[in-house]
Amino acid sequence: MFKTLRGTETKQINHSGRSHVGETMQLEGDLRTSGCIDISGLINGNIFVSEMTIAETGSVRGTIEASVIEINGHVEGKISADTVIVGKSAVIKGDIFFKNTLKTEEGADIDGYIKRSNNGKSNTEEDIAIEEIIEREEPTKKPKPIHVVQQKKAV
């Protein structure tokens, strides 16, 4: 009897793979997911996700690691991603490390270093050429003697 009642109950699962942290939600602790997440609330902790969007009302205090991240809200911490998109309303206090693409809109406030990281990427010809130029030593040149000719004063 109970088996048939439970068998008729089916729950609809969200197959979009996107999770949402609402404006009234505050999360304390690390967040990990292989899916995507939209943040409109506050997260105090590190985030490790595939894709992430921080809305204008969203705020994160902690390290963020993602494949793609779009920031329109506040972030306080290190950001590491393949693609980083910084909107005009974004306020970032921390370093940004990106592998492929960095897009910023005019008006964004970034207080930190921005660096392209080559983790797992082989050296391109340009990178190798730059290394060769940097490592090349300047040939030592002997200074040429300067001959001084004394002139007589006219009387």
N, C-alpha and C. Protein backbone atom coordinates (compact mmCIF):
# COMPACT_ATOMS: atom_id res chain seq x y z
N MET A 1 0.82 -1.19 0.00
CA MET A 1 0.00 0.00 0.00
C MET A 1 0.87 1.26 0.00
N PHE A 2 1.84 1.32 0.89
CA PHE A 2 2.69 2.50 0.94
C PHE A 2 3.57 2.61 -0.29
N LYS A 3 3.92 1.45 -0.82
CA LYS A 3 4.81 1.43 -1.98
C LYS A 3 4.14 2.11 -3.17
N THR A 4 2.86 1.89 -3.36
CA THR A 4 2.18 2.49 -4.50
C THR A 4 2.00 4.00 -4.32
N LEU A 5 1.80 4.46 -3.10
CA LEU A 5 1.67 5.90 -2.87
C LEU A 5 2.99 6.62 -3.16
N ARG A 6 4.07 6.07 -2.70
CA ARG A 6 5.37 6.69 -2.96
C ARG A 6 5.75 6.60 -4.43
N GLY A 7 5.33 5.54 -5.09
CA GLY A 7 5.66 5.36 -6.50
C GLY A 7 4.95 6.38 -7.39
N THR A 8 3.80 6.89 -6.95
CA THR A 8 3.07 7.86 -7.77
C THR A 8 3.63 9.27 -7.63
N GLU A 9 4.35 9.53 -6.55
CA GLU A 9 4.94 10.86 -6.36
C GLU A 9 6.20 10.99 -7.19
N THR A 10 6.19 11.94 -8.10
CA THR A 10 7.39 12.20 -8.89
C THR A 10 7.77 13.65 -8.72
N LYS A 11 9.04 13.89 -8.52
CA LYS A 11 9.53 15.25 -8.36
C LYS A 11 10.19 15.69 -9.66
N GLN A 12 9.91 16.91 -10.04
CA GLN A 12 10.54 17.48 -11.23
C GLN A 12 11.90 18.03 -10.83
N ILE A 13 12.93 17.57 -11.48
CA ILE A 13 14.29 18.02 -11.21
C ILE A 13 14.68 19.05 -12.25
N ASN A 14 15.32 20.12 -11.81
CA ASN A 14 15.78 21.17 -12.72
C ASN A 14 16.98 20.64 -13.49
N HIS A 15 16.80 20.39 -14.78
CA HIS A 15 17.87 19.83 -15.60
C HIS A 15 18.70 20.90 -16.29
N SER A 16 18.44 22.18 -16.00
CA SER A 16 19.19 23.24 -16.66
C SER A 16 20.62 23.30 -16.13
N GLY A 17 20.86 22.77 -14.95
CA GLY A 17 22.20 22.77 -14.38
C GLY A 17 22.58 24.09 -13.73
N ARG A 18 21.64 25.05 -13.66
CA ARG A 18 21.90 26.34 -13.04
C ARG A 18 21.28 26.39 -11.65
N SER A 19 22.08 26.84 -10.70
CA SER A 19 21.58 27.05 -9.34
C SER A 19 21.51 28.54 -9.10
N HIS A 20 20.76 28.94 -8.08
CA HIS A 20 20.57 30.36 -7.83
C HIS A 20 20.66 30.64 -6.32
N VAL A 21 21.45 31.65 -5.97
CA VAL A 21 21.51 32.15 -4.60
C VAL A 21 20.76 33.48 -4.62
N GLY A 22 19.58 33.50 -4.02
CA GLY A 22 18.70 34.67 -4.07
C GLY A 22 19.22 35.85 -3.26
N GLU A 23 18.59 37.01 -3.49
CA GLU A 23 19.01 38.25 -2.82
C GLU A 23 18.92 38.17 -1.31
N THR A 24 17.99 37.42 -0.79
CA THR A 24 17.80 37.34 0.67
C THR A 24 18.61 36.21 1.29
N MET A 25 19.40 35.50 0.47
CA MET A 25 20.15 34.35 0.98
C MET A 25 21.60 34.73 1.30
N GLN A 26 22.11 34.21 2.42
CA GLN A 26 23.51 34.37 2.80
C GLN A 26 24.07 32.99 3.08
N LEU A 27 25.21 32.68 2.43
CA LEU A 27 25.81 31.36 2.57
C LEU A 27 27.18 31.51 3.22
N GLU A 28 27.42 30.75 4.28
CA GLU A 28 28.71 30.73 4.96
C GLU A 28 29.39 29.41 4.67
N GLY A 29 30.53 29.44 3.98
CA GLY A 29 31.25 28.20 3.68
C GLY A 29 31.56 28.09 2.20
N ASP A 30 32.31 27.05 1.86
CA ASP A 30 32.73 26.84 0.48
C ASP A 30 31.59 26.26 -0.35
N LEU A 31 31.61 26.60 -1.64
CA LEU A 31 30.59 26.13 -2.57
C LEU A 31 31.27 25.45 -3.74
N ARG A 32 30.88 24.22 -4.05
CA ARG A 32 31.45 23.46 -5.17
C ARG A 32 30.32 22.87 -5.99
N THR A 33 30.43 23.05 -7.32
CA THR A 33 29.46 22.43 -8.22
C THR A 33 30.06 22.31 -9.60
N SER A 34 29.68 21.25 -10.31
CA SER A 34 30.15 21.09 -11.68
C SER A 34 29.23 21.84 -12.64
N GLY A 35 28.16 22.41 -12.12
CA GLY A 35 27.21 23.15 -12.93
C GLY A 35 27.46 24.64 -12.90
N CYS A 36 26.40 25.40 -13.12
CA CYS A 36 26.48 26.86 -13.17
C CYS A 36 25.71 27.44 -11.99
N ILE A 37 26.08 28.65 -11.60
CA ILE A 37 25.41 29.29 -10.48
C ILE A 37 25.26 30.78 -10.74
N ASP A 38 24.10 31.31 -10.35
CA ASP A 38 23.83 32.74 -10.40
C ASP A 38 23.74 33.23 -8.96
N ILE A 39 24.47 34.31 -8.66
CA ILE A 39 24.52 34.79 -7.29
C ILE A 39 23.93 36.20 -7.22
N SER A 40 22.87 36.31 -6.42
CA SER A 40 22.27 37.62 -6.16
C SER A 40 22.38 37.97 -4.68
N GLY A 41 22.78 37.00 -3.86
CA GLY A 41 22.90 37.20 -2.42
C GLY A 41 24.36 37.32 -2.00
N LEU A 42 24.67 36.90 -0.78
CA LEU A 42 26.01 37.02 -0.21
C LEU A 42 26.59 35.64 0.05
N ILE A 43 27.83 35.43 -0.37
CA ILE A 43 28.54 34.19 -0.08
C ILE A 43 29.85 34.54 0.61
N ASN A 44 30.05 34.03 1.81
CA ASN A 44 31.31 34.17 2.54
C ASN A 44 32.01 32.82 2.50
N GLY A 45 32.86 32.64 1.49
CA GLY A 45 33.56 31.37 1.34
C GLY A 45 34.10 31.25 -0.08
N ASN A 46 34.84 30.20 -0.29
CA ASN A 46 35.45 29.97 -1.60
C ASN A 46 34.45 29.27 -2.52
N ILE A 47 34.55 29.58 -3.83
CA ILE A 47 33.62 29.04 -4.80
C ILE A 47 34.40 28.36 -5.91
N PHE A 48 34.00 27.12 -6.24
CA PHE A 48 34.62 26.35 -7.31
C PHE A 48 33.48 25.84 -8.20
N VAL A 49 33.32 26.47 -9.38
CA VAL A 49 32.19 26.16 -10.26
C VAL A 49 32.64 26.13 -11.72
N SER A 50 31.73 25.67 -12.58
CA SER A 50 32.00 25.68 -14.01
C SER A 50 31.74 27.07 -14.58
N GLU A 51 30.52 27.56 -14.41
CA GLU A 51 30.15 28.91 -14.87
C GLU A 51 29.48 29.64 -13.72
N MET A 52 29.68 30.97 -13.72
CA MET A 52 29.15 31.74 -12.61
C MET A 52 28.80 33.15 -13.05
N THR A 53 27.67 33.66 -12.55
CA THR A 53 27.27 35.04 -12.80
C THR A 53 26.96 35.68 -11.46
N ILE A 54 27.59 36.82 -11.20
CA ILE A 54 27.31 37.57 -9.98
C ILE A 54 26.50 38.80 -10.38
N ALA A 55 25.25 38.87 -9.92
CA ALA A 55 24.36 39.98 -10.24
C ALA A 55 24.80 41.24 -9.49
N GLU A 56 24.18 42.37 -9.84
CA GLU A 56 24.51 43.65 -9.19
C GLU A 56 24.30 43.60 -7.68
N THR A 57 23.34 42.81 -7.24
CA THR A 57 23.08 42.69 -5.80
C THR A 57 23.92 41.61 -5.15
N GLY A 58 24.67 40.83 -5.95
CA GLY A 58 25.45 39.72 -5.43
C GLY A 58 26.79 40.17 -4.87
N SER A 59 27.27 39.41 -3.88
CA SER A 59 28.53 39.72 -3.23
C SER A 59 29.23 38.43 -2.81
N VAL A 60 30.53 38.36 -3.07
CA VAL A 60 31.31 37.17 -2.71
C VAL A 60 32.56 37.62 -1.96
N ARG A 61 32.82 37.00 -0.82
CA ARG A 61 34.05 37.22 -0.07
C ARG A 61 34.78 35.89 0.00
N GLY A 62 35.77 35.73 -0.89
CA GLY A 62 36.51 34.48 -0.94
C GLY A 62 37.10 34.27 -2.32
N THR A 63 37.83 33.19 -2.46
CA THR A 63 38.46 32.84 -3.73
C THR A 63 37.43 32.24 -4.67
N ILE A 64 37.52 32.62 -5.95
CA ILE A 64 36.61 32.09 -6.96
C ILE A 64 37.43 31.41 -8.05
N GLU A 65 37.10 30.16 -8.37
CA GLU A 65 37.71 29.44 -9.48
C GLU A 65 36.59 28.94 -10.37
N ALA A 66 36.64 29.35 -11.65
CA ALA A 66 35.58 28.98 -12.59
C ALA A 66 36.14 28.92 -14.00
N SER A 67 35.37 28.31 -14.89
CA SER A 67 35.75 28.34 -16.31
C SER A 67 35.35 29.69 -16.90
N VAL A 68 34.12 30.10 -16.64
CA VAL A 68 33.61 31.39 -17.13
C VAL A 68 32.95 32.10 -15.96
N ILE A 69 33.30 33.38 -15.78
CA ILE A 69 32.68 34.17 -14.72
C ILE A 69 32.31 35.55 -15.24
N GLU A 70 31.10 35.97 -14.90
CA GLU A 70 30.64 37.32 -15.23
C GLU A 70 30.33 38.02 -13.92
N ILE A 71 30.93 39.19 -13.73
CA ILE A 71 30.81 39.90 -12.46
C ILE A 71 30.13 41.24 -12.69
N ASN A 72 29.01 41.45 -12.02
CA ASN A 72 28.31 42.72 -12.03
C ASN A 72 28.14 43.27 -10.61
N GLY A 73 28.50 42.48 -9.62
CA GLY A 73 28.36 42.86 -8.22
C GLY A 73 29.70 43.05 -7.55
N HIS A 74 29.81 42.64 -6.28
CA HIS A 74 31.00 42.84 -5.48
C HIS A 74 31.76 41.53 -5.27
N VAL A 75 33.09 41.60 -5.40
CA VAL A 75 33.94 40.45 -5.11
C VAL A 75 35.12 40.93 -4.29
N GLU A 76 35.39 40.22 -3.20
CA GLU A 76 36.56 40.52 -2.38
C GLU A 76 37.34 39.22 -2.25
N GLY A 77 38.37 39.08 -3.10
CA GLY A 77 39.17 37.86 -3.11
C GLY A 77 39.76 37.60 -4.48
N LYS A 78 40.52 36.53 -4.57
CA LYS A 78 41.22 36.16 -5.80
C LYS A 78 40.24 35.50 -6.78
N ILE A 79 40.37 35.87 -8.06
CA ILE A 79 39.53 35.31 -9.11
C ILE A 79 40.42 34.60 -10.11
N SER A 80 40.15 33.33 -10.39
CA SER A 80 40.88 32.55 -11.39
C SER A 80 39.86 31.94 -12.34
N ALA A 81 40.01 32.23 -13.65
CA ALA A 81 39.05 31.70 -14.62
C ALA A 81 39.66 31.69 -16.01
N ASP A 82 39.07 30.89 -16.89
CA ASP A 82 39.47 30.91 -18.29
C ASP A 82 38.99 32.19 -18.94
N THR A 83 37.74 32.56 -18.70
CA THR A 83 37.14 33.77 -19.27
C THR A 83 36.54 34.59 -18.14
N VAL A 84 36.90 35.88 -18.08
CA VAL A 84 36.40 36.79 -17.06
C VAL A 84 35.72 37.96 -17.77
N ILE A 85 34.46 38.23 -17.40
CA ILE A 85 33.73 39.38 -17.93
C ILE A 85 33.37 40.26 -16.74
N VAL A 86 33.83 41.51 -16.78
CA VAL A 86 33.61 42.45 -15.68
C VAL A 86 32.66 43.53 -16.17
N GLY A 87 31.48 43.60 -15.56
CA GLY A 87 30.47 44.58 -15.95
C GLY A 87 30.76 45.95 -15.37
N LYS A 88 30.01 46.96 -15.86
CA LYS A 88 30.25 48.34 -15.46
C LYS A 88 29.93 48.61 -13.99
N SER A 89 29.07 47.80 -13.38
CA SER A 89 28.70 48.01 -11.98
C SER A 89 29.54 47.15 -11.03
N ALA A 90 30.55 46.44 -11.54
CA ALA A 90 31.35 45.54 -10.72
C ALA A 90 32.33 46.30 -9.83
N VAL A 91 32.52 45.78 -8.62
CA VAL A 91 33.52 46.29 -7.68
C VAL A 91 34.34 45.08 -7.23
N ILE A 92 35.62 45.07 -7.60
CA ILE A 92 36.48 43.92 -7.30
C ILE A 92 37.67 44.39 -6.48
N LYS A 93 37.86 43.74 -5.33
CA LYS A 93 39.03 44.00 -4.49
C LYS A 93 39.79 42.69 -4.38
N GLY A 94 40.72 42.49 -5.31
CA GLY A 94 41.49 41.26 -5.35
C GLY A 94 42.09 41.07 -6.72
N ASP A 95 42.95 40.09 -6.83
CA ASP A 95 43.66 39.84 -8.08
C ASP A 95 42.81 38.99 -9.02
N ILE A 96 42.98 39.26 -10.33
CA ILE A 96 42.27 38.52 -11.36
C ILE A 96 43.29 37.79 -12.21
N PHE A 97 43.15 36.47 -12.31
CA PHE A 97 44.00 35.64 -13.16
C PHE A 97 43.10 34.99 -14.21
N PHE A 98 43.40 35.23 -15.48
CA PHE A 98 42.59 34.65 -16.55
C PHE A 98 43.49 33.94 -17.54
N LYS A 99 42.95 32.92 -18.23
CA LYS A 99 43.72 32.15 -19.19
C LYS A 99 43.47 32.59 -20.63
N ASN A 100 42.21 32.81 -21.01
CA ASN A 100 41.88 33.10 -22.40
C ASN A 100 41.43 34.52 -22.65
N THR A 101 40.36 34.95 -21.97
CA THR A 101 39.71 36.21 -22.30
C THR A 101 39.41 37.02 -21.05
N LEU A 102 39.64 38.34 -21.16
CA LEU A 102 39.23 39.29 -20.13
C LEU A 102 38.50 40.43 -20.82
N LYS A 103 37.25 40.66 -20.42
CA LYS A 103 36.46 41.77 -20.97
C LYS A 103 36.01 42.64 -19.81
N THR A 104 36.24 43.94 -19.94
CA THR A 104 35.80 44.86 -18.90
C THR A 104 35.00 45.99 -19.53
N GLU A 105 33.97 46.42 -18.84
CA GLU A 105 33.18 47.56 -19.29
C GLU A 105 33.63 48.81 -18.56
N GLU A 106 33.48 49.94 -19.21
CA GLU A 106 33.86 51.22 -18.61
C GLU A 106 33.01 51.47 -17.37
N GLY A 107 33.66 51.84 -16.28
CA GLY A 107 32.97 52.10 -15.03
C GLY A 107 33.24 51.06 -13.96
N ALA A 108 33.80 49.92 -14.35
CA ALA A 108 34.12 48.88 -13.37
C ALA A 108 35.23 49.36 -12.44
N ASP A 109 35.15 48.97 -11.17
CA ASP A 109 36.13 49.36 -10.17
C ASP A 109 36.94 48.13 -9.77
N ILE A 110 38.22 48.10 -10.16
CA ILE A 110 39.07 46.95 -9.87
C ILE A 110 40.27 47.43 -9.06
N ASP A 111 40.43 46.87 -7.87
CA ASP A 111 41.56 47.20 -7.00
C ASP A 111 42.36 45.92 -6.80
N GLY A 112 43.32 45.68 -7.69
CA GLY A 112 44.13 44.47 -7.63
C GLY A 112 44.89 44.29 -8.92
N TYR A 113 45.65 43.23 -8.98
CA TYR A 113 46.43 42.91 -10.17
C TYR A 113 45.59 42.12 -11.15
N ILE A 114 45.86 42.33 -12.44
CA ILE A 114 45.23 41.53 -13.50
C ILE A 114 46.36 40.85 -14.24
N LYS A 115 46.32 39.54 -14.33
CA LYS A 115 47.42 38.80 -14.95
C LYS A 115 46.88 37.65 -15.78
N ARG A 116 47.45 37.49 -16.96
CA ARG A 116 47.11 36.33 -17.78
C ARG A 116 47.99 35.18 -17.34
N SER A 117 47.37 34.05 -17.04
CA SER A 117 48.13 32.89 -16.59
C SER A 117 48.19 31.88 -17.73
N ASN A 118 49.31 31.20 -17.85
CA ASN A 118 49.52 30.22 -18.91
C ASN A 118 49.54 28.81 -18.37
N ASN A 119 48.79 28.52 -17.34
CA ASN A 119 48.78 27.18 -16.77
C ASN A 119 48.31 26.17 -17.80
N GLY A 120 49.15 25.19 -18.09
CA GLY A 120 48.78 24.15 -19.03
C GLY A 120 48.87 24.57 -20.47
N LYS A 121 49.31 25.77 -20.73
CA LYS A 121 49.40 26.28 -22.09
C LYS A 121 50.86 26.22 -22.53
N SER A 122 51.10 25.70 -23.72
CA SER A 122 52.47 25.63 -24.20
C SER A 122 52.92 27.00 -24.68
N ASN A 123 54.22 27.23 -24.65
CA ASN A 123 54.76 28.51 -25.07
C ASN A 123 54.50 28.75 -26.54
N THR A 124 54.00 29.93 -26.85
CA THR A 124 53.81 30.30 -28.24
C THR A 124 55.13 30.82 -28.78
N GLU A 125 55.22 31.00 -30.11
CA GLU A 125 56.46 31.51 -30.70
C GLU A 125 56.79 32.89 -30.17
N GLU A 126 55.75 33.70 -29.94
CA GLU A 126 55.99 35.04 -29.42
C GLU A 126 56.59 34.98 -28.02
N ASP A 127 56.05 34.09 -27.15
CA ASP A 127 56.59 33.95 -25.81
C ASP A 127 58.04 33.50 -25.85
N ILE A 128 58.36 32.57 -26.74
CA ILE A 128 59.72 32.08 -26.86
C ILE A 128 60.64 33.19 -27.35
N ALA A 129 60.19 33.97 -28.32
CA ALA A 129 60.99 35.08 -28.83
C ALA A 129 61.26 36.11 -27.74
N ILE A 130 60.27 36.40 -26.92
CA ILE A 130 60.47 37.35 -25.82
C ILE A 130 61.48 36.80 -24.84
N GLU A 131 61.39 35.50 -24.52
CA GLU A 131 62.35 34.90 -23.60
C GLU A 131 63.76 34.99 -24.16
N GLU A 132 63.92 34.77 -25.46
CA GLU A 132 65.24 34.85 -26.07
C GLU A 132 65.80 36.26 -25.98
N ILE A 133 64.97 37.24 -26.19
CA ILE A 133 65.43 38.62 -26.12
C ILE A 133 65.84 38.96 -24.69
N ILE A 134 65.07 38.53 -23.74
CA ILE A 134 65.37 38.83 -22.35
C ILE A 134 66.65 38.13 -21.90
N GLU A 135 66.83 36.89 -22.31
CA GLU A 135 67.97 36.11 -21.85
C GLU A 135 69.26 36.43 -22.61
N ARG A 136 69.17 37.09 -23.75
CA ARG A 136 70.33 37.39 -24.56
C ARG A 136 71.20 38.44 -23.85
N GLU A 137 72.48 38.18 -23.76
CA GLU A 137 73.37 39.11 -23.10
C GLU A 137 73.89 40.12 -24.11
N GLU A 138 74.07 41.32 -23.64
CA GLU A 138 74.62 42.37 -24.48
C GLU A 138 76.12 42.13 -24.66
N PRO A 139 76.61 42.22 -25.90
CA PRO A 139 78.05 42.05 -26.09
C PRO A 139 78.80 43.22 -25.45
N THR A 140 79.90 42.86 -24.82
CA THR A 140 80.67 43.91 -24.15
C THR A 140 81.50 44.65 -25.19
N LYS A 141 81.36 45.95 -25.19
CA LYS A 141 82.10 46.79 -26.13
C LYS A 141 83.19 47.53 -25.35
N LYS A 142 84.36 47.57 -25.97
CA LYS A 142 85.45 48.32 -25.34
C LYS A 142 85.24 49.79 -25.66
N PRO A 143 85.41 50.63 -24.66
CA PRO A 143 85.24 52.06 -24.94
C PRO A 143 86.37 52.56 -25.85
N LYS A 144 85.99 53.38 -26.79
CA LYS A 144 87.00 53.96 -27.69
C LYS A 144 87.66 55.14 -27.00
N PRO A 145 88.98 55.25 -27.15
CA PRO A 145 89.65 56.40 -26.53
C PRO A 145 89.29 57.69 -27.28
N ILE A 146 89.14 58.74 -26.53
CA ILE A 146 88.81 60.03 -27.11
C ILE A 146 90.09 60.87 -27.11
N HIS A 147 90.46 61.35 -28.27
CA HIS A 147 91.65 62.18 -28.39
C HIS A 147 91.28 63.63 -28.17
N VAL A 148 92.00 64.25 -27.27
CA VAL A 148 91.75 65.64 -26.96
C VAL A 148 92.82 66.49 -27.64
N VAL A 149 92.42 67.45 -28.42
CA VAL A 149 93.34 68.35 -29.10
C VAL A 149 93.27 69.68 -28.39
N GLN A 150 94.43 70.13 -27.93
CA GLN A 150 94.46 71.41 -27.23
C GLN A 150 94.62 72.53 -28.25
N GLN A 151 93.87 73.54 -28.09
CA GLN A 151 93.95 74.69 -29.01
C GLN A 151 94.67 75.82 -28.33
N LYS A 152 95.41 76.56 -29.14
CA LYS A 152 96.11 77.72 -28.61
C LYS A 152 95.19 78.92 -28.71
N LYS A 153 95.29 79.76 -27.72
CA LYS A 153 94.46 80.94 -27.70
C LYS A 153 95.07 82.02 -28.58
N ALA A 154 94.23 82.72 -29.27
CA ALA A 154 94.71 83.85 -30.10
C ALA A 154 94.92 85.05 -29.20
N VAL A 155 96.03 85.79 -29.51
CA VAL A 155 96.34 86.94 -28.68
C VAL A 155 95.96 88.21 -29.35
